[in-house]
N, C-alpha and C. Protein backbone atom coordinates (compact mmCIF):
# COMPACT_ATOMS: atom_id res chain seq x y z
N ALA A 1 106.30 94.39 100.39
CA ALA A 1 106.21 94.97 99.08
C ALA A 1 105.28 94.25 98.27
N ASP A 2 105.04 93.03 98.40
CA ASP A 2 103.97 92.28 97.66
C ASP A 2 102.60 92.82 97.79
N VAL A 3 102.41 93.36 99.12
CA VAL A 3 101.08 93.81 99.50
C VAL A 3 100.83 95.02 98.77
N TRP A 4 101.74 95.93 98.63
CA TRP A 4 101.65 97.13 97.86
C TRP A 4 101.38 96.87 96.37
N LEU A 5 101.98 95.89 95.86
CA LEU A 5 101.75 95.53 94.46
C LEU A 5 100.22 95.02 94.35
N MET A 6 99.81 94.38 95.32
CA MET A 6 98.39 93.95 95.34
C MET A 6 97.41 95.08 95.40
N LEU A 7 97.84 96.03 96.31
CA LEU A 7 97.00 97.21 96.52
C LEU A 7 96.93 98.02 95.33
N ASP A 8 98.04 98.11 94.59
CA ASP A 8 98.14 98.90 93.42
C ASP A 8 97.62 98.22 92.17
N ARG A 9 97.30 96.94 92.26
CA ARG A 9 96.83 96.14 91.25
C ARG A 9 97.97 95.91 90.13
N GLU A 10 99.24 95.73 90.68
CA GLU A 10 100.32 95.69 89.75
C GLU A 10 100.98 94.24 89.77
N CYS A 11 100.37 93.23 90.49
CA CYS A 11 100.96 91.93 90.59
C CYS A 11 100.18 91.05 89.65
N ASP A 12 100.75 90.00 89.28
CA ASP A 12 100.04 89.05 88.29
C ASP A 12 99.05 88.29 89.12
N GLU A 13 98.24 87.53 88.28
CA GLU A 13 97.04 86.82 88.93
C GLU A 13 97.36 85.73 89.91
N ALA A 14 98.53 85.01 89.54
CA ALA A 14 99.09 84.04 90.52
C ALA A 14 99.61 84.60 91.84
N SER A 15 100.26 85.81 91.85
CA SER A 15 100.74 86.38 93.06
C SER A 15 99.55 86.92 93.69
N ARG A 16 98.60 87.39 93.05
CA ARG A 16 97.43 88.10 93.74
C ARG A 16 96.65 86.93 94.44
N ALA A 17 96.51 85.80 93.80
CA ALA A 17 95.75 84.62 94.48
C ALA A 17 96.63 84.09 95.79
N ARG A 18 97.89 83.97 95.60
CA ARG A 18 98.75 83.46 96.67
C ARG A 18 98.59 84.45 97.97
N LEU A 19 98.70 85.86 97.56
CA LEU A 19 98.60 86.76 98.72
C LEU A 19 97.17 86.68 99.28
N GLN A 20 96.18 86.60 98.48
CA GLN A 20 94.78 86.56 99.07
C GLN A 20 94.59 85.22 99.97
N ARG A 21 95.14 84.14 99.53
CA ARG A 21 95.07 82.89 100.31
C ARG A 21 95.78 83.19 101.63
N HIS A 22 96.86 83.84 101.73
CA HIS A 22 97.61 84.15 102.83
C HIS A 22 96.77 84.97 103.75
N LEU A 23 96.26 86.05 103.28
CA LEU A 23 95.40 87.06 103.98
C LEU A 23 94.23 86.32 104.51
N ASP A 24 93.59 85.43 103.79
CA ASP A 24 92.59 84.60 104.27
C ASP A 24 92.79 83.72 105.46
N GLU A 25 94.03 83.35 105.60
CA GLU A 25 94.48 82.41 106.65
C GLU A 25 95.19 83.13 107.91
N CYS A 26 95.66 84.36 107.60
CA CYS A 26 96.49 85.14 108.68
C CYS A 26 95.74 86.41 109.06
N GLY A 27 95.20 86.33 110.25
CA GLY A 27 94.46 87.45 110.75
C GLY A 27 95.38 88.70 110.95
N SER A 28 96.60 88.54 111.53
CA SER A 28 97.52 89.79 111.74
C SER A 28 97.83 90.34 110.29
N CYS A 29 98.10 89.54 109.32
CA CYS A 29 98.47 90.05 108.05
C CYS A 29 97.18 90.79 107.39
N LEU A 30 96.10 90.13 107.66
CA LEU A 30 94.79 90.70 107.07
C LEU A 30 94.57 92.13 107.71
N GLU A 31 94.79 92.18 108.95
CA GLU A 31 94.62 93.55 109.72
C GLU A 31 95.66 94.58 109.09
N ALA A 32 96.82 94.09 108.97
CA ALA A 32 97.88 95.07 108.43
C ALA A 32 97.65 95.57 107.04
N TYR A 33 97.07 94.54 106.20
CA TYR A 33 96.63 94.86 104.86
C TYR A 33 95.45 95.92 104.87
N GLY A 34 94.54 95.70 105.80
CA GLY A 34 93.48 96.60 105.97
C GLY A 34 93.83 98.08 106.22
N ILE A 35 94.90 98.11 107.06
CA ILE A 35 95.36 99.51 107.51
C ILE A 35 96.05 100.10 106.26
N GLU A 36 96.83 99.44 105.61
CA GLU A 36 97.57 99.87 104.40
C GLU A 36 96.51 100.37 103.38
N GLU A 37 95.50 99.54 103.25
CA GLU A 37 94.42 99.85 102.18
C GLU A 37 93.69 101.07 102.61
N LYS A 38 93.47 101.35 104.04
CA LYS A 38 92.83 102.56 104.28
C LYS A 38 93.68 103.78 104.20
N VAL A 39 95.01 103.60 104.44
CA VAL A 39 96.03 104.69 104.23
C VAL A 39 96.14 105.11 102.80
N LYS A 40 96.24 104.12 101.89
CA LYS A 40 96.10 104.36 100.44
C LYS A 40 95.03 105.09 100.02
N GLY A 41 93.82 104.71 100.56
CA GLY A 41 92.52 105.31 100.21
C GLY A 41 92.46 106.76 100.58
N LEU A 42 92.92 106.95 101.84
CA LEU A 42 93.01 108.41 102.40
C LEU A 42 93.93 109.26 101.60
N VAL A 43 95.13 108.66 101.32
CA VAL A 43 96.09 109.58 100.52
C VAL A 43 95.43 109.85 99.18
N ASN A 44 94.80 108.83 98.56
CA ASN A 44 94.20 109.07 97.35
C ASN A 44 93.08 110.22 97.35
N ARG A 45 92.28 110.05 98.38
CA ARG A 45 91.28 111.04 98.49
C ARG A 45 91.77 112.45 98.74
N LYS A 46 92.79 112.63 99.55
CA LYS A 46 93.28 113.96 99.98
C LYS A 46 94.23 114.55 98.93
N CYS A 47 94.97 113.64 98.25
CA CYS A 47 95.98 114.15 97.29
C CYS A 47 95.76 113.70 95.81
N GLY A 48 94.70 112.96 95.66
CA GLY A 48 94.60 112.53 94.33
C GLY A 48 94.43 113.44 93.15
N GLY A 49 93.95 114.63 93.42
CA GLY A 49 93.95 115.67 92.28
C GLY A 49 95.18 116.66 92.13
N GLU A 50 96.09 116.40 93.06
CA GLU A 50 97.19 117.34 92.93
C GLU A 50 98.45 116.83 92.16
N HIS A 51 99.10 117.70 91.49
CA HIS A 51 100.24 117.33 90.64
C HIS A 51 101.50 117.75 91.16
N ALA A 52 102.51 116.99 91.14
CA ALA A 52 103.84 117.40 91.57
C ALA A 52 104.32 118.46 90.61
N PRO A 53 105.19 119.34 91.19
CA PRO A 53 105.70 120.33 90.36
C PRO A 53 106.71 119.82 89.25
N GLU A 54 106.82 120.58 88.16
CA GLU A 54 107.50 120.08 87.00
C GLU A 54 109.04 119.83 87.54
N SER A 55 109.59 120.73 88.31
CA SER A 55 110.92 120.66 88.69
C SER A 55 111.12 119.30 89.57
N LEU A 56 110.19 118.88 90.28
CA LEU A 56 110.33 117.52 90.88
C LEU A 56 110.31 116.46 90.08
N ARG A 57 109.51 116.44 88.96
CA ARG A 57 109.52 115.42 88.00
C ARG A 57 110.81 115.32 87.30
N GLN A 58 111.36 116.59 86.83
CA GLN A 58 112.64 116.48 86.22
C GLN A 58 113.76 116.02 87.04
N ARG A 59 113.76 116.41 88.43
CA ARG A 59 114.83 115.77 89.27
C ARG A 59 114.72 114.30 89.42
N LEU A 60 113.44 113.74 89.55
CA LEU A 60 113.21 112.38 89.75
C LEU A 60 113.75 111.57 88.44
N SER A 61 113.51 112.26 87.28
CA SER A 61 113.84 111.57 86.02
C SER A 61 115.24 111.44 85.92
N ILE A 62 116.08 112.56 86.37
CA ILE A 62 117.47 112.50 86.37
C ILE A 62 118.09 111.55 87.27
N GLU A 63 117.58 111.46 88.47
CA GLU A 63 118.01 110.48 89.47
C GLU A 63 117.84 109.03 89.00
N LEU A 64 116.67 108.78 88.41
CA LEU A 64 116.38 107.42 87.87
C LEU A 64 117.38 107.08 86.85
N ARG A 65 117.60 107.99 85.86
CA ARG A 65 118.57 107.69 84.93
C ARG A 65 119.88 107.38 85.46
N ARG A 66 120.36 108.27 86.53
CA ARG A 66 121.63 108.04 87.09
C ARG A 66 121.63 106.64 87.77
N THR A 67 120.63 106.28 88.54
CA THR A 67 120.58 104.96 89.17
C THR A 67 120.80 103.85 88.06
N ILE A 68 120.00 104.00 87.02
CA ILE A 68 120.15 103.04 85.81
C ILE A 68 121.61 102.86 85.35
N LEU A 69 122.18 104.07 85.20
CA LEU A 69 123.58 104.19 84.64
C LEU A 69 124.55 103.52 85.57
N ILE A 70 124.33 103.76 86.89
CA ILE A 70 125.35 103.19 87.89
C ILE A 70 125.05 101.61 87.86
N THR A 71 123.84 101.29 87.99
CA THR A 71 123.68 99.78 87.87
C THR A 71 124.13 99.03 86.78
N ASN A 72 123.91 99.73 85.58
CA ASN A 72 124.41 99.02 84.32
C ASN A 72 125.96 99.14 84.17
N THR A 73 126.67 99.83 84.96
CA THR A 73 128.14 99.91 84.86
C THR A 73 128.89 98.92 85.65
N GLU A 74 128.13 98.20 86.50
CA GLU A 74 128.78 97.15 87.31
C GLU A 74 129.28 95.99 86.42
N PRO A 75 130.41 95.51 86.75
CA PRO A 75 130.98 94.27 85.98
C PRO A 75 130.06 92.96 86.12
N ASP A 76 130.04 92.18 85.21
CA ASP A 76 129.27 90.98 85.20
C ASP A 76 129.93 90.03 86.18
N ALA A 77 129.22 89.34 87.04
CA ALA A 77 129.78 88.41 87.98
C ALA A 77 130.05 87.07 87.32
């Protein structure tokens, strides 16, 4: 999950530096990161200009609200 945050440039600087250090030291993780980076680039090139249908956006919005409501109704521990 942290790798995706780094790929999407959504992690903070400290996390990015920590991940980069790990990638610099771990060949197998660096290889996996490179594959994920290529897949992300390919998806962006092939699907970057397309927009999801409005009905899908509405369904996702409803499901997200439902998930938040369910999460927020759990009793405090």
